[in-house]
Structure formats: structure tokens, C-alpha cells
Amino acid sequence: MRKPDPERIYQARRAATFRRLVDEQQLDELDAEHWMARWEREAVADGIDRRSEAFWEGGSRWISEQWRRK
């Protein structure tokens, strides 16, 4: 069995979050990318490990909150 690749897992979760933002929350693709990049910077500043399962779960909530405040 192949050893899991943390970077590939991160990218797959990121892609799934992007699709959810575009398809379910109906953000424009550029807006979705913008908010995801902001979340990534915010999470790094807060010391959140991007390899954790909760990274994009928290990111989705954070983006939704920020988007509503906009």
C-alpha cells in the first residue's frame, strides 16, 4: 500500500472546498480563490497546520463568515 502524500491530500481538500464555495455558496471562481488564499494566510499566521483534517473545515466556516460580513 502506498504511503499517503500530505501535499496531495491538502490539494484534494483545497479543490473540494473550492468546488463547494462555487457550487453550493455560489461564489464567483475568482472570489472563491481570493477568499481561500486569505484563509491560507490567516491560518498560517494563527499557526494552524494545513495538513490537519480540520484546516479546510475551519477554512470553509471562516470564508462563509467573512463573505457574509462583506
C-alpha atoms as a PDB file:
ATOM      1  CA  MET A   1       0.000   0.000   0.000  1.00  0.00           C
ATOM      2  CA  ARG A   2       1.235   3.471  -0.888  1.00  0.00           C
ATOM      3  CA  LYS A   3       2.106   5.929   1.846  1.00  0.00           C
ATOM      4  CA  PRO A   4      -0.289   8.946   1.942  1.00  0.00           C
ATOM      5  CA  ASP A   5       1.163  12.114   0.454  1.00  0.00           C
ATOM      6  CA  PRO A   6       0.234  15.069   2.724  1.00  0.00           C
ATOM      7  CA  GLU A   7       0.578  17.588  -0.129  1.00  0.00           C
ATOM      8  CA  ARG A   8      -1.761  15.639  -2.408  1.00  0.00           C
ATOM      9  CA  ILE A   9      -4.283  15.310   0.417  1.00  0.00           C
ATOM     10  CA  TYR A  10      -4.042  19.055   1.078  1.00  0.00           C
ATOM     11  CA  GLN A  11      -4.574  19.849  -2.613  1.00  0.00           C
ATOM     12  CA  ALA A  12      -7.547  17.464  -2.846  1.00  0.00           C
ATOM     13  CA  ARG A  13      -9.192  19.062   0.200  1.00  0.00           C
ATOM     14  CA  ARG A  14      -8.489  22.517  -1.212  1.00  0.00           C
ATOM     15  CA  ALA A  15     -10.074  21.572  -4.545  1.00  0.00           C
ATOM     16  CA  ALA A  16     -13.143  20.151  -2.777  1.00  0.00           C
ATOM     17  CA  THR A  17     -13.510  23.352  -0.739  1.00  0.00           C
ATOM     18  CA  PHE A  18     -13.220  25.442  -3.902  1.00  0.00           C
ATOM     19  CA  ARG A  19     -15.972  23.428  -5.613  1.00  0.00           C
ATOM     20  CA  ARG A  20     -18.228  23.758  -2.556  1.00  0.00           C
ATOM     21  CA  LEU A  21     -17.748  27.523  -2.463  1.00  0.00           C
ATOM     22  CA  VAL A  22     -18.530  27.853  -6.157  1.00  0.00           C
ATOM     23  CA  ASP A  23     -21.299  25.258  -6.462  1.00  0.00           C
ATOM     24  CA  GLU A  24     -23.088  25.480  -3.111  1.00  0.00           C
ATOM     25  CA  GLN A  25     -22.375  29.007  -1.910  1.00  0.00           C
ATOM     26  CA  GLN A  26     -22.351  30.345  -5.464  1.00  0.00           C
ATOM     27  CA  LEU A  27     -19.201  32.414  -5.168  1.00  0.00           C
ATOM     28  CA  ASP A  28     -17.576  33.502  -8.392  1.00  0.00           C
ATOM     29  CA  GLU A  29     -14.452  31.389  -9.060  1.00  0.00           C
ATOM     30  CA  LEU A  30     -12.155  34.404  -8.639  1.00  0.00           C
ATOM     31  CA  ASP A  31     -13.858  35.334  -5.368  1.00  0.00           C
ATOM     32  CA  ALA A  32     -13.565  31.753  -4.123  1.00  0.00           C
ATOM     33  CA  GLU A  33      -9.843  31.704  -4.912  1.00  0.00           C
ATOM     34  CA  HIS A  34      -9.379  35.101  -3.261  1.00  0.00           C
ATOM     35  CA  TRP A  35     -11.110  34.010  -0.040  1.00  0.00           C
ATOM     36  CA  MET A  36      -9.260  30.705   0.044  1.00  0.00           C
ATOM     37  CA  ALA A  37      -5.917  32.472  -0.303  1.00  0.00           C
ATOM     38  CA  ARG A  38      -6.912  34.838   2.502  1.00  0.00           C
ATOM     39  CA  TRP A  39      -7.827  31.866   4.696  1.00  0.00           C
ATOM     40  CA  GLU A  40      -4.493  30.199   3.960  1.00  0.00           C
ATOM     41  CA  ARG A  41      -2.623  33.350   5.047  1.00  0.00           C
ATOM     42  CA  GLU A  42      -4.814  33.736   8.144  1.00  0.00           C
ATOM     43  CA  ALA A  43      -4.354  30.100   9.121  1.00  0.00           C
ATOM     44  CA  VAL A  44      -0.569  30.278   8.708  1.00  0.00           C
ATOM     45  CA  ALA A  45      -0.481  33.409  10.885  1.00  0.00           C
ATOM     46  CA  ASP A  46      -2.539  31.573  13.518  1.00  0.00           C
ATOM     47  CA  GLY A  47      -0.282  28.507  13.359  1.00  0.00           C
ATOM     48  CA  ILE A  48      -2.937  26.124  12.023  1.00  0.00           C
ATOM     49  CA  ASP A  49      -1.409  23.045  10.407  1.00  0.00           C
ATOM     50  CA  ARG A  50      -2.603  22.867   6.815  1.00  0.00           C
ATOM     51  CA  ARG A  51      -2.165  19.097   6.854  1.00  0.00           C
ATOM     52  CA  SER A  52      -4.828  18.675   9.523  1.00  0.00           C
ATOM     53  CA  GLU A  53      -8.269  17.481   8.526  1.00  0.00           C
ATOM     54  CA  ALA A  54      -9.792  20.481  10.275  1.00  0.00           C
ATOM     55  CA  PHE A  55      -7.831  23.010   8.190  1.00  0.00           C
ATOM     56  CA  TRP A  56     -10.364  23.318   5.367  1.00  0.00           C
ATOM     57  CA  GLU A  57     -13.351  22.644   7.637  1.00  0.00           C
ATOM     58  CA  GLY A  58     -12.339  25.721   9.624  1.00  0.00           C
ATOM     59  CA  GLY A  59     -11.499  27.486   6.392  1.00  0.00           C
ATOM     60  CA  SER A  60     -14.969  26.932   4.983  1.00  0.00           C
ATOM     61  CA  ARG A  61     -16.548  28.381   8.119  1.00  0.00           C
ATOM     62  CA  TRP A  62     -14.136  31.333   8.164  1.00  0.00           C
ATOM     63  CA  ILE A  63     -14.760  32.121   4.494  1.00  0.00           C
ATOM     64  CA  SER A  64     -18.537  31.933   4.953  1.00  0.00           C
ATOM     65  CA  GLU A  65     -18.381  34.303   7.923  1.00  0.00           C
ATOM     66  CA  GLN A  66     -16.116  36.762   6.119  1.00  0.00           C
ATOM     67  CA  TRP A  67     -18.216  36.611   2.945  1.00  0.00           C
ATOM     68  CA  ARG A  68     -21.405  37.424   4.876  1.00  0.00           C
ATOM     69  CA  ARG A  69     -19.747  40.425   6.551  1.00  0.00           C
ATOM     70  CA  LYS A  70     -18.548  41.802   3.227  1.00  0.00           C
END
